Amino acid sequence: VYTDWGKPEARALSRVSPEQLRGYAFAPGSMGPKVEAAVEFVEAGGRMAGIGNLGDAQAILRGEAGTVIAMEGGEGSRDG
């Protein structure tokens, strides 16, 4: 998940809370539904949700790829 997608200041989010994600706008036909589903899952009691490439599933769980959404958040970013 990136903030400011498509702009020079775009930044990858590595670990965020649902509240932090709600502070950003995401395209309704693109990342919006994925982000909303992950946020709702965590807010409903899920321990964490991950968004990323399915082939990176293990790396996402380790926090090495994709975006992890969890109540403890952190709004970390990943360079490159």
C-alpha atoms as a PDB file:
ATOM      1  CA  VAL A   1       0.000   0.000   0.000  1.00  0.00           C
ATOM      2  CA  TYR A   2       1.382   3.376  -1.012  1.00  0.00           C
ATOM      3  CA  THR A   3       0.449   6.902  -0.015  1.00  0.00           C
ATOM      4  CA  ASP A   4       0.311   9.396  -2.888  1.00  0.00           C
ATOM      5  CA  TRP A   5       0.409   6.603  -5.470  1.00  0.00           C
ATOM      6  CA  GLY A   6       1.642   7.778  -8.869  1.00  0.00           C
ATOM      7  CA  LYS A   7       3.292  10.910  -7.492  1.00  0.00           C
ATOM      8  CA  PRO A   8       6.990  11.557  -6.861  1.00  0.00           C
ATOM      9  CA  GLU A   9       6.335  11.638  -3.101  1.00  0.00           C
ATOM     10  CA  ALA A  10       4.721   8.151  -3.112  1.00  0.00           C
ATOM     11  CA  ARG A  11       5.748   6.101  -0.093  1.00  0.00           C
ATOM     12  CA  ALA A  12       5.218   2.429   0.726  1.00  0.00           C
ATOM     13  CA  LEU A  13       3.550   1.692   4.062  1.00  0.00           C
ATOM     14  CA  SER A  14       4.963  -1.358   5.801  1.00  0.00           C
ATOM     15  CA  ARG A  15       2.969  -1.452   9.067  1.00  0.00           C
ATOM     16  CA  VAL A  16      -0.050   0.686   9.948  1.00  0.00           C
ATOM     17  CA  SER A  17      -3.106   0.672  12.177  1.00  0.00           C
ATOM     18  CA  PRO A  18      -6.650   0.809  10.811  1.00  0.00           C
ATOM     19  CA  GLU A  19      -6.961   4.346  12.191  1.00  0.00           C
ATOM     20  CA  GLN A  20      -3.809   5.457  10.365  1.00  0.00           C
ATOM     21  CA  LEU A  21      -5.022   3.934   7.080  1.00  0.00           C
ATOM     22  CA  ARG A  22      -8.369   5.718   7.393  1.00  0.00           C
ATOM     23  CA  GLY A  23      -6.400   8.985   7.263  1.00  0.00           C
ATOM     24  CA  TYR A  24      -5.449   8.345   3.620  1.00  0.00           C
ATOM     25  CA  ALA A  25      -7.527   8.308   0.433  1.00  0.00           C
ATOM     26  CA  PHE A  26      -7.325   5.280  -1.872  1.00  0.00           C
ATOM     27  CA  ALA A  27      -8.841   4.811  -5.322  1.00  0.00           C
ATOM     28  CA  PRO A  28     -12.320   3.251  -4.989  1.00  0.00           C
ATOM     29  CA  GLY A  29     -11.811   0.834  -7.882  1.00  0.00           C
ATOM     30  CA  SER A  30      -8.261  -0.117  -7.000  1.00  0.00           C
ATOM     31  CA  MET A  31      -6.685  -0.185  -3.529  1.00  0.00           C
ATOM     32  CA  GLY A  32      -9.723   1.270  -1.775  1.00  0.00           C
ATOM     33  CA  PRO A  33     -11.672  -2.014  -1.462  1.00  0.00           C
ATOM     34  CA  LYS A  34      -8.576  -3.969  -0.382  1.00  0.00           C
ATOM     35  CA  VAL A  35      -7.657  -1.418   2.270  1.00  0.00           C
ATOM     36  CA  GLU A  36     -11.237  -1.194   3.548  1.00  0.00           C
ATOM     37  CA  ALA A  37     -11.576  -4.993   3.812  1.00  0.00           C
ATOM     38  CA  ALA A  38      -8.284  -5.258   5.728  1.00  0.00           C
ATOM     39  CA  VAL A  39      -9.249  -2.406   8.059  1.00  0.00           C
ATOM     40  CA  GLU A  40     -12.676  -3.911   8.776  1.00  0.00           C
ATOM     41  CA  PHE A  41     -11.139  -7.336   9.457  1.00  0.00           C
ATOM     42  CA  VAL A  42      -8.676  -5.969  12.018  1.00  0.00           C
ATOM     43  CA  GLU A  43     -11.288  -3.709  13.640  1.00  0.00           C
ATOM     44  CA  ALA A  44     -13.612  -6.740  13.985  1.00  0.00           C
ATOM     45  CA  GLY A  45     -10.994  -8.567  16.030  1.00  0.00           C
ATOM     46  CA  GLY A  46      -8.616 -10.059  13.491  1.00  0.00           C
ATOM     47  CA  ARG A  47      -5.047 -10.055  14.793  1.00  0.00           C
ATOM     48  CA  MET A  48      -3.592  -8.637  11.580  1.00  0.00           C
ATOM     49  CA  ALA A  49      -4.202  -8.367   7.857  1.00  0.00           C
ATOM     50  CA  GLY A  50      -1.671  -8.218   5.065  1.00  0.00           C
ATOM     51  CA  ILE A  51      -1.865  -6.640   1.634  1.00  0.00           C
ATOM     52  CA  GLY A  52       0.672  -7.596  -0.995  1.00  0.00           C
ATOM     53  CA  ASN A  53       1.632 -10.054  -3.675  1.00  0.00           C
ATOM     54  CA  LEU A  54       0.399 -13.570  -2.904  1.00  0.00           C
ATOM     55  CA  GLY A  55       3.841 -14.927  -3.768  1.00  0.00           C
ATOM     56  CA  ASP A  56       5.218 -12.789  -0.912  1.00  0.00           C
ATOM     57  CA  ALA A  57       2.808 -14.195   1.711  1.00  0.00           C
ATOM     58  CA  GLN A  58       5.501 -15.497   4.058  1.00  0.00           C
ATOM     59  CA  ALA A  59       7.535 -12.282   3.750  1.00  0.00           C
ATOM     60  CA  ILE A  60       4.384 -10.228   4.478  1.00  0.00           C
ATOM     61  CA  LEU A  61       3.790 -12.233   7.659  1.00  0.00           C
ATOM     62  CA  ARG A  62       7.373 -11.498   8.706  1.00  0.00           C
ATOM     63  CA  GLY A  63       6.924  -7.784   7.909  1.00  0.00           C
ATOM     64  CA  GLU A  64       9.491  -7.913   5.095  1.00  0.00           C
ATOM     65  CA  ALA A  65       7.127  -7.183   2.182  1.00  0.00           C
ATOM     66  CA  GLY A  66       3.708  -5.702   1.513  1.00  0.00           C
ATOM     67  CA  THR A  67       1.703  -3.856   4.157  1.00  0.00           C
ATOM     68  CA  VAL A  68       0.676  -5.229   7.553  1.00  0.00           C
ATOM     69  CA  ILE A  69      -2.436  -3.744   9.172  1.00  0.00           C
ATOM     70  CA  ALA A  70      -2.661  -4.309  12.925  1.00  0.00           C
ATOM     71  CA  MET A  71      -4.169  -2.473  15.890  1.00  0.00           C
ATOM     72  CA  GLU A  72      -0.699  -1.569  17.204  1.00  0.00           C
ATOM     73  CA  GLY A  73       0.154  -0.038  13.818  1.00  0.00           C
ATOM     74  CA  GLY A  74       3.299   1.999  13.543  1.00  0.00           C
ATOM     75  CA  GLU A  75       3.004   3.780  10.171  1.00  0.00           C
ATOM     76  CA  GLY A  76       6.326   2.433   9.067  1.00  0.00           C
ATOM     77  CA  SER A  77       7.471   2.967   5.528  1.00  0.00           C
ATOM     78  CA  ARG A  78       9.655   0.833   3.333  1.00  0.00           C
ATOM     79  CA  ASP A  79      12.118   2.474   0.974  1.00  0.00           C
ATOM     80  CA  GLY A  80      12.306   1.340  -2.643  1.00  0.00           C
END
